[in-house]
Amino acid sequence: MDPRDSALDPVALAYVRALLRPKTRSVKLGVVLTAAAFAALCAISFATVMVLAPPAVTQHLPDDRLGVP
């Protein structure tokens, strides 16, 4: 069959192929790197505070519980 005798419209085919073509999205790398750096900074600062902070509750045991006569 000759392609010129096809019942399919070539303009419609080109339109459908353009719709089915995967779209290329440009990712702005600066925004992604800024968010990742902020998350890393928050995690490191939280870990540092958890290690360096004194305990929130201190309860001293009486001497009789410690076994001191």
N, C-alpha and C. Protein backbone atom coordinates (compact mmCIF):
# COMPACT_ATOMS: atom_id res chain seq x y z
N MET A 1 0.84 -1.17 0.00
CA MET A 1 0.00 0.00 0.00
C MET A 1 0.89 1.24 0.00
N ASP A 2 0.56 2.15 -0.80
CA ASP A 2 1.32 3.38 -0.93
C ASP A 2 1.01 4.30 0.27
N PRO A 3 2.03 4.88 0.94
CA PRO A 3 1.77 5.74 2.10
C PRO A 3 0.93 6.96 1.76
N ARG A 4 0.92 7.37 0.50
CA ARG A 4 0.11 8.53 0.12
C ARG A 4 -1.37 8.20 0.11
N ASP A 5 -1.70 6.90 0.01
CA ASP A 5 -3.10 6.48 -0.01
C ASP A 5 -3.64 6.14 1.38
N SER A 6 -2.87 6.43 2.41
CA SER A 6 -3.27 6.08 3.77
C SER A 6 -4.49 6.89 4.20
N ALA A 7 -5.34 6.27 5.02
CA ALA A 7 -6.52 6.94 5.54
C ALA A 7 -6.19 7.81 6.75
N LEU A 8 -4.98 7.68 7.26
CA LEU A 8 -4.58 8.46 8.43
C LEU A 8 -4.09 9.84 7.99
N ASP A 9 -4.50 10.84 8.74
CA ASP A 9 -4.12 12.21 8.43
C ASP A 9 -2.69 12.45 8.93
N PRO A 10 -1.74 12.84 8.09
CA PRO A 10 -0.36 13.04 8.54
C PRO A 10 -0.22 14.19 9.53
N VAL A 11 -1.06 15.19 9.44
CA VAL A 11 -1.00 16.30 10.41
C VAL A 11 -1.47 15.82 11.77
N ALA A 12 -2.51 15.02 11.79
CA ALA A 12 -3.01 14.47 13.06
C ALA A 12 -1.99 13.51 13.66
N LEU A 13 -1.33 12.72 12.82
CA LEU A 13 -0.29 11.81 13.31
C LEU A 13 0.87 12.59 13.93
N ALA A 14 1.28 13.65 13.28
CA ALA A 14 2.37 14.47 13.83
C ALA A 14 1.96 15.09 15.17
N TYR A 15 0.71 15.50 15.28
CA TYR A 15 0.21 16.09 16.52
C TYR A 15 0.21 15.05 17.65
N VAL A 16 -0.26 13.85 17.34
CA VAL A 16 -0.30 12.79 18.36
C VAL A 16 1.11 12.39 18.77
N ARG A 17 2.02 12.30 17.81
CA ARG A 17 3.40 11.95 18.16
C ARG A 17 4.04 13.04 19.03
N ALA A 18 3.71 14.28 18.75
CA ALA A 18 4.23 15.38 19.58
C ALA A 18 3.67 15.30 21.00
N LEU A 19 2.41 14.90 21.13
CA LEU A 19 1.82 14.75 22.47
C LEU A 19 2.42 13.58 23.24
N LEU A 20 2.78 12.51 22.54
CA LEU A 20 3.31 11.32 23.19
C LEU A 20 4.81 11.43 23.48
N ARG A 21 5.48 12.39 22.89
CA ARG A 21 6.91 12.55 23.11
C ARG A 21 7.15 12.97 24.55
N PRO A 22 8.10 12.34 25.23
CA PRO A 22 8.35 12.72 26.64
C PRO A 22 8.85 14.16 26.72
N LYS A 23 8.32 14.86 27.68
CA LYS A 23 8.69 16.26 27.87
C LYS A 23 9.99 16.34 28.65
N THR A 24 10.84 17.23 28.25
CA THR A 24 12.08 17.44 28.98
C THR A 24 11.87 18.61 29.93
N ARG A 25 12.08 18.33 31.19
CA ARG A 25 11.91 19.36 32.21
C ARG A 25 13.29 19.76 32.70
N SER A 26 13.52 21.03 32.78
CA SER A 26 14.79 21.50 33.30
C SER A 26 14.67 21.65 34.81
N VAL A 27 15.57 21.01 35.50
CA VAL A 27 15.58 21.06 36.96
C VAL A 27 16.59 22.12 37.37
N LYS A 28 16.14 23.05 38.17
CA LYS A 28 17.04 24.08 38.67
C LYS A 28 17.83 23.49 39.82
N LEU A 29 19.09 23.26 39.58
CA LEU A 29 19.92 22.55 40.53
C LEU A 29 20.20 23.36 41.78
N GLY A 30 20.19 24.67 41.68
CA GLY A 30 20.46 25.51 42.84
C GLY A 30 19.43 25.33 43.94
N VAL A 31 18.18 25.22 43.57
CA VAL A 31 17.10 25.04 44.55
C VAL A 31 17.25 23.70 45.25
N VAL A 32 17.56 22.67 44.48
CA VAL A 32 17.71 21.33 45.06
C VAL A 32 18.90 21.28 46.00
N LEU A 33 20.01 21.86 45.59
CA LEU A 33 21.20 21.85 46.45
C LEU A 33 21.00 22.69 47.71
N THR A 34 20.28 23.78 47.60
CA THR A 34 20.00 24.61 48.78
C THR A 34 19.13 23.84 49.78
N ALA A 35 18.12 23.16 49.29
CA ALA A 35 17.25 22.38 50.18
C ALA A 35 18.03 21.24 50.84
N ALA A 36 18.90 20.58 50.08
CA ALA A 36 19.69 19.49 50.65
C ALA A 36 20.69 20.01 51.68
N ALA A 37 21.30 21.14 51.41
CA ALA A 37 22.24 21.73 52.37
C ALA A 37 21.52 22.15 53.64
N PHE A 38 20.33 22.71 53.51
CA PHE A 38 19.56 23.11 54.68
C PHE A 38 19.18 21.89 55.52
N ALA A 39 18.75 20.82 54.88
CA ALA A 39 18.40 19.60 55.62
C ALA A 39 19.62 19.01 56.32
N ALA A 40 20.77 19.02 55.66
CA ALA A 40 21.98 18.49 56.28
C ALA A 40 22.40 19.35 57.46
N LEU A 41 22.31 20.66 57.31
CA LEU A 41 22.67 21.56 58.40
C LEU A 41 21.75 21.37 59.61
N CYS A 42 20.46 21.20 59.35
CA CYS A 42 19.51 20.95 60.44
C CYS A 42 19.81 19.64 61.16
N ALA A 43 20.12 18.61 60.39
CA ALA A 43 20.40 17.31 61.00
C ALA A 43 21.68 17.35 61.84
N ILE A 44 22.71 18.00 61.33
CA ILE A 44 23.97 18.08 62.07
C ILE A 44 23.81 18.93 63.33
N SER A 45 23.10 20.04 63.22
CA SER A 45 22.91 20.88 64.40
C SER A 45 22.05 20.18 65.46
N PHE A 46 21.03 19.46 65.02
CA PHE A 46 20.20 18.73 65.97
C PHE A 46 21.01 17.64 66.67
N ALA A 47 21.84 16.92 65.92
CA ALA A 47 22.67 15.87 66.52
C ALA A 47 23.67 16.47 67.50
N THR A 48 24.25 17.61 67.16
CA THR A 48 25.22 18.26 68.05
C THR A 48 24.55 18.70 69.35
N VAL A 49 23.38 19.28 69.24
CA VAL A 49 22.66 19.71 70.44
C VAL A 49 22.28 18.52 71.31
N MET A 50 21.87 17.42 70.68
CA MET A 50 21.49 16.23 71.46
C MET A 50 22.69 15.64 72.20
N VAL A 51 23.87 15.72 71.62
CA VAL A 51 25.06 15.18 72.27
C VAL A 51 25.56 16.11 73.36
N LEU A 52 25.57 17.41 73.12
CA LEU A 52 26.17 18.35 74.05
C LEU A 52 25.23 18.82 75.15
N ALA A 53 23.95 18.72 74.96
CA ALA A 53 23.00 19.23 75.96
C ALA A 53 23.00 18.36 77.21
N PRO A 54 22.87 18.99 78.36
CA PRO A 54 22.77 18.19 79.59
C PRO A 54 21.40 17.51 79.64
N PRO A 55 21.29 16.46 80.43
CA PRO A 55 19.99 15.80 80.54
C PRO A 55 18.94 16.76 81.09
N ALA A 56 17.75 16.64 80.60
CA ALA A 56 16.69 17.56 81.02
C ALA A 56 16.21 17.28 82.43
N VAL A 57 16.23 16.03 82.85
CA VAL A 57 15.74 15.66 84.17
C VAL A 57 16.88 14.97 84.91
N THR A 58 17.21 15.49 86.08
CA THR A 58 18.22 14.84 86.92
C THR A 58 17.54 14.47 88.23
N GLN A 59 17.67 13.23 88.60
CA GLN A 59 17.07 12.77 89.84
C GLN A 59 18.15 12.04 90.63
N HIS A 60 18.45 12.56 91.77
CA HIS A 60 19.47 11.96 92.61
C HIS A 60 18.84 10.87 93.47
N LEU A 61 19.50 9.74 93.48
CA LEU A 61 19.00 8.63 94.28
C LEU A 61 19.42 8.82 95.74
N PRO A 62 18.56 8.44 96.65
CA PRO A 62 18.95 8.52 98.06
C PRO A 62 20.10 7.54 98.35
N ASP A 63 20.83 7.83 99.40
CA ASP A 63 21.99 7.02 99.73
C ASP A 63 21.62 5.57 100.02
N ASP A 64 20.45 5.33 100.62
CA ASP A 64 20.09 3.94 100.94
C ASP A 64 19.84 3.13 99.66
N ARG A 65 19.44 3.75 98.58
CA ARG A 65 19.24 3.04 97.31
C ARG A 65 20.56 2.75 96.62
N LEU A 66 21.58 3.55 96.91
CA LEU A 66 22.88 3.36 96.29
C LEU A 66 23.72 2.32 97.03
N GLY A 67 23.33 1.94 98.20
CA GLY A 67 24.06 0.94 98.96
C GLY A 67 25.12 1.54 99.85
N VAL A 68 25.05 2.85 100.08
CA VAL A 68 26.02 3.52 100.95
C VAL A 68 25.51 3.39 102.38
N PRO A 69 26.37 2.89 103.31
CA PRO A 69 25.90 2.74 104.72
C PRO A 69 25.80 4.03 105.48
